[in-house]
Every structure is written in structure tokens, then in C-alpha cells.
């Protein structure tokens, strides 16, 4: 998986109870290089998304949301995106947002380095680290 990039607003939204990472629905959004996310984006409406007509589910399953010795860790189950009935993309950025929150607040994004397009029948595994989690708060 590419490197974690946090949206600046995520910290405030977390502190002000916009997120319940243990139970809210987290979802993936895809954006192309021409529409790169920036740290100052705050909500999904700030992004120009790829078309999902031919894409499998983008909803992420939370494996665990817990703290040990004062360190919180969010572990997400790996997600496989599959194109069916046509292509998906192009996209370079995988964005995670909170679909339960009123304004679809943004959490983070991952940069794959260049645009990808999934042809009909192709898949992309989004491999979230089980050991380190997607994010940790210390």
C-alpha cells in the first residue's frame, strides 16, 4: 500500500465527534492525477471522483478499532476493487472518507504514483496493514 496522507481537517473532525471509527461506514473514493487530493480538502464534495458504474463495492470493513497502553489503532480489512461490465478509472489516489458523517468527511488518501485503469474483469487489492493499522493515534 502507498503511504498514508492525512487530511488536515480529520484531526478536528475526530476531536469534535464527527467520526466514530469503530462503527461508522468508511468508504473508498477514487480520483485521477488531474484531480489530486490536497491536505486542505475537508469533505468528499471537494474531490472530483472517478465514475463507479462498473466498480464493485467500495465499502471498507473495520477489523478492529481499539487502544492498547494509550495507543489507538484502526485496522481495516483488505478491500478488492473489481471492474465488471466495463472499465474503472483512471485513478491514482485512493481516498478514505466517512460515509456516515453528515458531510462525508475525509480521513486520508494513498497515492499510487500514476493513473491506473482497471479493465473489465481486472481487480486491485487495497492491502491495509493488519500489523500497523491504517492509522494510529498516540
N, C-alpha and C. Protein backbone atom coordinates (compact mmCIF):
# COMPACT_ATOMS: atom_id res chain seq x y z
N UNK A 1 0.84 -1.18 0.00
CA UNK A 1 0.00 0.00 0.00
C UNK A 1 0.88 1.23 0.00
N UNK A 2 0.43 2.25 -0.65
CA UNK A 2 1.15 3.52 -0.70
C UNK A 2 1.10 4.19 0.67
N UNK A 3 1.82 5.29 0.81
CA UNK A 3 1.94 5.98 2.08
C UNK A 3 0.65 6.70 2.48
N UNK A 4 0.35 6.65 3.76
CA UNK A 4 -0.79 7.32 4.36
C UNK A 4 -0.58 8.83 4.32
N UNK A 5 -1.58 9.56 3.84
CA UNK A 5 -1.59 11.03 3.86
C UNK A 5 -2.87 11.47 4.54
N UNK A 6 -2.75 12.23 5.60
CA UNK A 6 -3.90 12.65 6.39
C UNK A 6 -4.45 13.98 5.87
N UNK A 7 -5.78 14.09 5.80
CA UNK A 7 -6.40 15.38 5.54
C UNK A 7 -6.34 16.18 6.84
N UNK A 8 -5.95 17.46 6.75
CA UNK A 8 -5.79 18.28 7.95
C UNK A 8 -7.05 18.31 8.81
N UNK A 9 -8.21 18.40 8.19
CA UNK A 9 -9.46 18.52 8.92
C UNK A 9 -9.82 17.27 9.72
N UNK A 10 -9.21 16.14 9.40
CA UNK A 10 -9.52 14.89 10.09
C UNK A 10 -9.30 15.02 11.60
N UNK A 11 -8.24 15.69 12.01
CA UNK A 11 -7.92 15.82 13.43
C UNK A 11 -9.03 16.57 14.16
N UNK A 12 -9.47 17.68 13.60
CA UNK A 12 -10.54 18.44 14.24
C UNK A 12 -11.86 17.67 14.21
N UNK A 13 -12.17 17.05 13.07
CA UNK A 13 -13.41 16.29 12.96
C UNK A 13 -13.44 15.14 13.97
N UNK A 14 -12.30 14.52 14.21
CA UNK A 14 -12.21 13.45 15.20
C UNK A 14 -12.45 14.01 16.60
N UNK A 15 -11.82 15.13 16.91
CA UNK A 15 -11.95 15.74 18.23
C UNK A 15 -13.37 16.24 18.49
N UNK A 16 -14.08 16.61 17.42
CA UNK A 16 -15.42 17.17 17.58
C UNK A 16 -16.53 16.15 17.28
N UNK A 17 -16.20 14.89 17.35
CA UNK A 17 -17.13 13.77 17.27
C UNK A 17 -17.80 13.57 15.92
N UNK A 18 -17.15 13.98 14.84
CA UNK A 18 -17.70 13.71 13.50
C UNK A 18 -17.45 12.26 13.10
N UNK A 19 -16.45 11.65 13.73
CA UNK A 19 -16.07 10.27 13.40
C UNK A 19 -16.24 9.35 14.59
N UNK A 20 -16.80 8.18 14.36
CA UNK A 20 -16.74 7.06 15.29
C UNK A 20 -16.12 5.94 14.47
N UNK A 21 -14.80 5.89 14.47
CA UNK A 21 -14.08 4.98 13.58
C UNK A 21 -14.38 3.51 13.85
N UNK A 22 -14.90 3.20 15.00
CA UNK A 22 -15.23 1.82 15.31
C UNK A 22 -16.55 1.36 14.71
N UNK A 23 -17.45 2.30 14.39
CA UNK A 23 -18.75 1.87 13.89
C UNK A 23 -19.25 2.59 12.64
N UNK A 24 -18.67 3.72 12.28
CA UNK A 24 -19.12 4.43 11.08
C UNK A 24 -18.74 3.67 9.82
N UNK A 25 -19.44 3.94 8.73
CA UNK A 25 -19.16 3.31 7.44
C UNK A 25 -18.07 4.08 6.73
N UNK A 26 -16.92 3.44 6.56
CA UNK A 26 -15.80 4.03 5.83
C UNK A 26 -15.83 3.51 4.40
N UNK A 27 -15.59 4.40 3.45
CA UNK A 27 -15.72 4.06 2.05
C UNK A 27 -14.54 4.62 1.27
N UNK A 28 -14.22 3.98 0.16
CA UNK A 28 -13.13 4.41 -0.72
C UNK A 28 -13.69 5.27 -1.84
N UNK A 29 -12.99 6.37 -2.11
CA UNK A 29 -13.26 7.19 -3.29
C UNK A 29 -12.00 7.14 -4.16
N UNK A 30 -12.17 7.23 -5.46
CA UNK A 30 -11.06 7.18 -6.40
C UNK A 30 -10.97 8.51 -7.15
N UNK A 31 -9.76 9.07 -7.25
CA UNK A 31 -9.57 10.30 -8.01
C UNK A 31 -8.34 10.15 -8.91
N UNK A 32 -8.37 10.84 -10.03
CA UNK A 32 -7.27 10.77 -11.01
C UNK A 32 -6.19 11.79 -10.69
N UNK A 33 -5.05 11.64 -11.34
CA UNK A 33 -3.92 12.55 -11.15
C UNK A 33 -4.32 14.00 -11.41
N UNK A 34 -5.17 14.22 -12.39
CA UNK A 34 -5.61 15.57 -12.73
C UNK A 34 -6.46 16.20 -11.62
N UNK A 35 -6.95 15.37 -10.71
CA UNK A 35 -7.81 15.84 -9.62
C UNK A 35 -7.26 15.40 -8.27
N UNK A 36 -5.97 15.61 -8.07
CA UNK A 36 -5.30 15.14 -6.86
C UNK A 36 -5.89 15.75 -5.59
N UNK A 37 -6.07 14.94 -4.56
CA UNK A 37 -6.49 15.49 -3.27
C UNK A 37 -5.35 16.30 -2.67
N UNK A 38 -5.70 17.26 -1.83
CA UNK A 38 -4.71 18.05 -1.10
C UNK A 38 -5.10 18.04 0.37
N UNK A 39 -4.14 18.26 1.23
CA UNK A 39 -4.34 18.16 2.68
C UNK A 39 -5.44 19.09 3.19
N UNK A 40 -5.72 20.17 2.49
CA UNK A 40 -6.73 21.13 2.95
C UNK A 40 -8.15 20.78 2.52
N UNK A 41 -8.34 19.74 1.71
CA UNK A 41 -9.69 19.27 1.41
C UNK A 41 -10.34 18.80 2.71
N UNK A 42 -11.65 18.95 2.82
CA UNK A 42 -12.32 18.58 4.07
C UNK A 42 -13.43 17.55 3.90
N UNK A 43 -14.19 17.63 2.80
CA UNK A 43 -15.32 16.74 2.58
C UNK A 43 -15.27 16.16 1.17
N UNK A 44 -16.00 15.09 0.95
CA UNK A 44 -15.99 14.39 -0.32
C UNK A 44 -16.34 15.31 -1.49
N UNK A 45 -17.22 16.27 -1.27
CA UNK A 45 -17.62 17.19 -2.33
C UNK A 45 -16.45 18.04 -2.85
N UNK A 46 -15.35 18.11 -2.09
CA UNK A 46 -14.16 18.84 -2.54
C UNK A 46 -13.40 18.09 -3.63
N UNK A 47 -13.70 16.82 -3.82
CA UNK A 47 -12.95 15.98 -4.76
C UNK A 47 -13.75 15.74 -6.04
N UNK A 48 -13.02 15.50 -7.13
CA UNK A 48 -13.63 15.05 -8.38
C UNK A 48 -13.36 13.56 -8.47
N UNK A 49 -14.41 12.76 -8.35
CA UNK A 49 -14.27 11.32 -8.28
C UNK A 49 -14.34 10.66 -9.66
N UNK A 50 -13.75 9.48 -9.73
CA UNK A 50 -13.89 8.63 -10.91
C UNK A 50 -15.33 8.13 -10.97
N UNK A 51 -15.72 7.59 -12.10
CA UNK A 51 -17.06 7.00 -12.25
C UNK A 51 -17.03 5.57 -11.73
N UNK A 52 -18.04 5.20 -10.93
CA UNK A 52 -18.07 3.89 -10.29
C UNK A 52 -19.07 2.93 -10.92
N UNK A 53 -19.61 3.25 -12.06
CA UNK A 53 -20.64 2.43 -12.70
C UNK A 53 -20.24 0.96 -12.78
N UNK A 54 -18.99 0.69 -13.10
CA UNK A 54 -18.53 -0.68 -13.29
C UNK A 54 -17.68 -1.21 -12.12
N UNK A 55 -17.74 -0.53 -11.00
CA UNK A 55 -16.88 -0.88 -9.86
C UNK A 55 -17.64 -1.68 -8.81
N UNK A 56 -16.96 -2.66 -8.23
CA UNK A 56 -17.53 -3.43 -7.12
C UNK A 56 -17.68 -2.51 -5.90
N UNK A 57 -18.14 -3.06 -4.81
CA UNK A 57 -18.35 -2.26 -3.60
C UNK A 57 -17.06 -1.56 -3.16
N UNK A 58 -17.24 -0.37 -2.64
CA UNK A 58 -16.11 0.43 -2.15
C UNK A 58 -16.17 0.59 -0.64
N UNK A 59 -17.11 -0.10 0.00
CA UNK A 59 -17.28 -0.01 1.45
C UNK A 59 -16.22 -0.87 2.12
N UNK A 60 -15.58 -0.32 3.13
CA UNK A 60 -14.48 -0.99 3.84
C UNK A 60 -15.02 -1.59 5.13
N UNK A 61 -14.55 -2.78 5.48
CA UNK A 61 -14.90 -3.43 6.74
C UNK A 61 -13.84 -3.11 7.78
N UNK A 62 -14.29 -2.67 8.95
CA UNK A 62 -13.37 -2.40 10.06
C UNK A 62 -13.09 -3.71 10.78
N UNK A 63 -11.81 -4.09 10.83
CA UNK A 63 -11.41 -5.32 11.53
C UNK A 63 -11.32 -5.08 13.03
N UNK A 64 -10.72 -3.93 13.43
CA UNK A 64 -10.67 -3.58 14.84
C UNK A 64 -10.42 -2.08 15.00
N UNK A 65 -10.92 -1.59 16.09
CA UNK A 65 -10.79 -0.19 16.47
C UNK A 65 -10.59 -0.19 17.98
N UNK A 66 -9.32 -0.12 18.41
CA UNK A 66 -9.06 -0.29 19.84
C UNK A 66 -7.76 0.39 20.24
N UNK A 67 -7.59 0.49 21.55
CA UNK A 67 -6.35 1.06 22.07
C UNK A 67 -5.69 0.08 23.01
N UNK A 68 -4.37 0.13 23.02
CA UNK A 68 -3.56 -0.66 23.95
C UNK A 68 -2.49 0.26 24.51
N UNK A 69 -2.40 0.34 25.82
CA UNK A 69 -1.41 1.18 26.50
C UNK A 69 -1.43 2.62 26.00
N UNK A 70 -2.61 3.14 25.70
CA UNK A 70 -2.75 4.53 25.30
C UNK A 70 -2.55 4.81 23.82
N UNK A 71 -2.33 3.77 23.02
CA UNK A 71 -2.19 3.95 21.57
C UNK A 71 -3.40 3.34 20.87
N UNK A 72 -4.13 4.19 20.13
CA UNK A 72 -5.29 3.73 19.38
C UNK A 72 -4.84 3.27 18.01
N UNK A 73 -5.42 2.18 17.52
CA UNK A 73 -5.10 1.67 16.19
C UNK A 73 -6.38 1.27 15.47
N UNK A 74 -6.52 1.73 14.22
CA UNK A 74 -7.64 1.37 13.37
C UNK A 74 -7.13 0.38 12.33
N UNK A 75 -7.67 -0.84 12.37
CA UNK A 75 -7.29 -1.87 11.42
C UNK A 75 -8.47 -2.12 10.49
N UNK A 76 -8.23 -2.01 9.18
CA UNK A 76 -9.26 -2.24 8.18
C UNK A 76 -8.96 -3.52 7.42
N UNK A 77 -10.01 -4.21 7.01
CA UNK A 77 -9.87 -5.42 6.21
C UNK A 77 -9.49 -5.03 4.79
N UNK A 78 -8.57 -5.78 4.19
CA UNK A 78 -8.19 -5.52 2.81
C UNK A 78 -9.44 -5.45 1.93
N UNK A 79 -9.39 -4.61 0.92
CA UNK A 79 -10.53 -4.42 0.02
C UNK A 79 -10.08 -4.67 -1.41
N UNK A 80 -10.82 -5.48 -2.14
CA UNK A 80 -10.53 -5.72 -3.56
C UNK A 80 -11.56 -5.00 -4.40
N UNK A 81 -11.09 -4.08 -5.24
CA UNK A 81 -11.94 -3.39 -6.20
C UNK A 81 -11.89 -4.17 -7.50
N UNK A 82 -13.04 -4.45 -8.09
CA UNK A 82 -13.10 -5.22 -9.33
C UNK A 82 -13.96 -4.48 -10.34
N UNK A 83 -13.46 -4.40 -11.58
CA UNK A 83 -14.23 -3.82 -12.67
C UNK A 83 -15.11 -4.91 -13.27
N UNK A 84 -16.39 -4.61 -13.43
CA UNK A 84 -17.32 -5.58 -14.02
C UNK A 84 -18.28 -4.89 -14.96
N UNK A 85 -18.31 -5.32 -16.22
CA UNK A 85 -19.20 -4.70 -17.20
C UNK A 85 -18.58 -3.53 -17.93
N UNK A 86 -17.32 -3.27 -17.67
CA UNK A 86 -16.59 -2.16 -18.28
C UNK A 86 -15.43 -1.77 -17.40
N UNK A 87 -14.70 -0.75 -17.80
CA UNK A 87 -13.50 -0.35 -17.06
C UNK A 87 -13.84 0.59 -15.90
N UNK A 88 -12.88 0.73 -14.99
CA UNK A 88 -12.96 1.66 -13.86
C UNK A 88 -11.68 2.50 -13.90
N UNK A 89 -11.85 3.80 -13.88
CA UNK A 89 -10.69 4.68 -13.89
C UNK A 89 -10.71 5.61 -15.07
N UNK A 90 -9.63 6.35 -15.20
CA UNK A 90 -8.38 6.24 -14.45
C UNK A 90 -8.47 6.85 -13.05
N UNK A 91 -7.61 6.34 -12.18
CA UNK A 91 -7.47 6.89 -10.83
C UNK A 91 -6.04 6.66 -10.36
N UNK A 92 -5.55 7.59 -9.56
CA UNK A 92 -4.22 7.49 -8.97
C UNK A 92 -4.30 7.47 -7.45
N UNK A 93 -5.36 8.06 -6.92
CA UNK A 93 -5.48 8.24 -5.48
C UNK A 93 -6.64 7.42 -4.92
N UNK A 94 -6.38 6.74 -3.81
CA UNK A 94 -7.39 6.02 -3.05
C UNK A 94 -7.66 6.88 -1.82
N UNK A 95 -8.87 7.38 -1.69
CA UNK A 95 -9.25 8.26 -0.59
C UNK A 95 -10.19 7.48 0.33
N UNK A 96 -10.00 7.61 1.63
CA UNK A 96 -10.93 7.03 2.59
C UNK A 96 -11.72 8.17 3.21
N UNK A 97 -13.05 8.01 3.18
CA UNK A 97 -13.91 9.02 3.80
C UNK A 97 -14.96 8.34 4.66
N UNK A 98 -15.56 9.13 5.54
CA UNK A 98 -16.58 8.64 6.45
C UNK A 98 -17.95 8.87 5.82
N UNK A 99 -18.54 7.80 5.32
CA UNK A 99 -19.83 7.89 4.64
C UNK A 99 -20.99 8.06 5.61
N UNK A 100 -20.77 7.82 6.89
CA UNK A 100 -21.81 8.00 7.91
C UNK A 100 -21.90 9.47 8.32
N UNK A 101 -20.77 10.15 8.36
CA UNK A 101 -20.75 11.56 8.78
C UNK A 101 -21.58 12.41 7.82
N UNK A 102 -22.22 13.41 8.34
CA UNK A 102 -23.16 14.25 7.60
C UNK A 102 -22.61 14.76 6.28
N UNK A 103 -21.39 15.25 6.26
CA UNK A 103 -20.83 15.83 5.04
C UNK A 103 -19.81 14.93 4.36
N UNK A 104 -19.79 13.64 4.70
CA UNK A 104 -18.80 12.71 4.13
C UNK A 104 -17.38 13.23 4.35
N UNK A 105 -17.04 13.44 5.63
CA UNK A 105 -15.73 13.97 5.99
C UNK A 105 -14.60 13.07 5.52
N UNK A 106 -13.54 13.69 5.02
CA UNK A 106 -12.37 12.97 4.52
C UNK A 106 -11.45 12.58 5.67
N UNK A 107 -10.80 11.44 5.52
CA UNK A 107 -9.88 10.94 6.54
C UNK A 107 -8.45 10.96 6.02
N UNK A 108 -8.21 10.24 4.91
CA UNK A 108 -6.85 10.12 4.40
C UNK A 108 -6.86 9.72 2.94
N UNK A 109 -5.67 9.72 2.33
CA UNK A 109 -5.54 9.23 0.96
C UNK A 109 -4.20 8.55 0.77
N UNK A 110 -4.15 7.72 -0.26
CA UNK A 110 -2.96 6.98 -0.64
C UNK A 110 -2.68 7.28 -2.11
N UNK A 111 -1.42 7.53 -2.45
CA UNK A 111 -1.01 7.88 -3.81
C UNK A 111 -0.34 6.66 -4.44
N UNK A 112 -0.87 6.19 -5.56
CA UNK A 112 -0.31 5.04 -6.26
C UNK A 112 0.78 5.42 -7.26
N UNK A 113 1.10 6.73 -7.40
CA UNK A 113 2.23 7.16 -8.23
C UNK A 113 1.89 7.49 -9.66
N UNK A 114 0.87 6.86 -10.22
CA UNK A 114 0.43 7.17 -11.58
C UNK A 114 -0.98 6.63 -11.75
N UNK A 115 -1.67 7.15 -12.77
CA UNK A 115 -3.04 6.72 -13.01
C UNK A 115 -3.12 5.23 -13.34
N UNK A 116 -4.14 4.57 -12.79
CA UNK A 116 -4.44 3.17 -13.07
C UNK A 116 -5.83 3.09 -13.69
N UNK A 117 -6.04 2.17 -14.58
CA UNK A 117 -7.37 1.86 -15.09
C UNK A 117 -7.56 0.36 -15.00
N UNK A 118 -8.65 -0.05 -14.38
CA UNK A 118 -8.99 -1.47 -14.31
C UNK A 118 -9.86 -1.81 -15.51
N UNK A 119 -9.40 -2.71 -16.34
CA UNK A 119 -10.20 -3.19 -17.47
C UNK A 119 -11.27 -4.14 -16.94
N UNK A 120 -12.29 -4.36 -17.72
CA UNK A 120 -13.37 -5.27 -17.33
C UNK A 120 -12.79 -6.60 -16.86
N UNK A 121 -13.14 -7.00 -15.64
CA UNK A 121 -12.66 -8.26 -15.07
C UNK A 121 -11.39 -8.13 -14.25
N UNK A 122 -10.69 -7.00 -14.32
CA UNK A 122 -9.46 -6.81 -13.53
C UNK A 122 -9.80 -6.35 -12.12
N UNK A 123 -8.88 -6.63 -11.19
CA UNK A 123 -9.05 -6.26 -9.79
C UNK A 123 -7.83 -5.56 -9.25
N UNK A 124 -8.04 -4.79 -8.21
CA UNK A 124 -6.96 -4.14 -7.47
C UNK A 124 -7.17 -4.44 -5.99
N UNK A 125 -6.16 -5.03 -5.35
CA UNK A 125 -6.22 -5.30 -3.92
C UNK A 125 -5.69 -4.08 -3.18
N UNK A 126 -6.50 -3.52 -2.32
CA UNK A 126 -6.05 -2.45 -1.42
C UNK A 126 -5.66 -3.14 -0.13
N UNK A 127 -4.37 -3.23 0.10
CA UNK A 127 -3.80 -4.02 1.18
C UNK A 127 -3.53 -3.13 2.39
N UNK A 128 -4.47 -3.12 3.34
CA UNK A 128 -4.30 -2.35 4.56
C UNK A 128 -3.47 -3.16 5.54
N UNK A 129 -2.53 -2.54 6.21
CA UNK A 129 -1.65 -3.23 7.14
C UNK A 129 -2.41 -3.70 8.38
N UNK A 130 -2.42 -5.00 8.59
CA UNK A 130 -3.04 -5.55 9.80
C UNK A 130 -2.17 -5.29 11.02
N UNK A 131 -0.86 -5.28 10.83
CA UNK A 131 0.07 -5.09 11.95
C UNK A 131 0.07 -3.63 12.45
N UNK A 132 0.14 -2.69 11.53
CA UNK A 132 0.24 -1.28 11.91
C UNK A 132 -1.09 -0.54 11.89
N UNK A 133 -2.08 -1.15 11.24
CA UNK A 133 -3.36 -0.47 11.07
C UNK A 133 -3.24 0.61 10.00
N UNK A 134 -4.37 1.19 9.65
CA UNK A 134 -4.39 2.29 8.70
C UNK A 134 -3.88 3.55 9.36
N UNK A 135 -4.22 3.70 10.64
CA UNK A 135 -3.73 4.86 11.39
C UNK A 135 -3.60 4.51 12.85
N UNK A 136 -2.72 5.24 13.51
CA UNK A 136 -2.54 5.11 14.95
C UNK A 136 -2.55 6.50 15.57
N UNK A 137 -3.13 6.58 16.74
CA UNK A 137 -3.13 7.84 17.49
C UNK A 137 -2.45 7.54 18.82
N UNK A 138 -1.40 8.28 19.09
CA UNK A 138 -0.64 8.04 20.32
C UNK A 138 -0.76 9.20 21.28
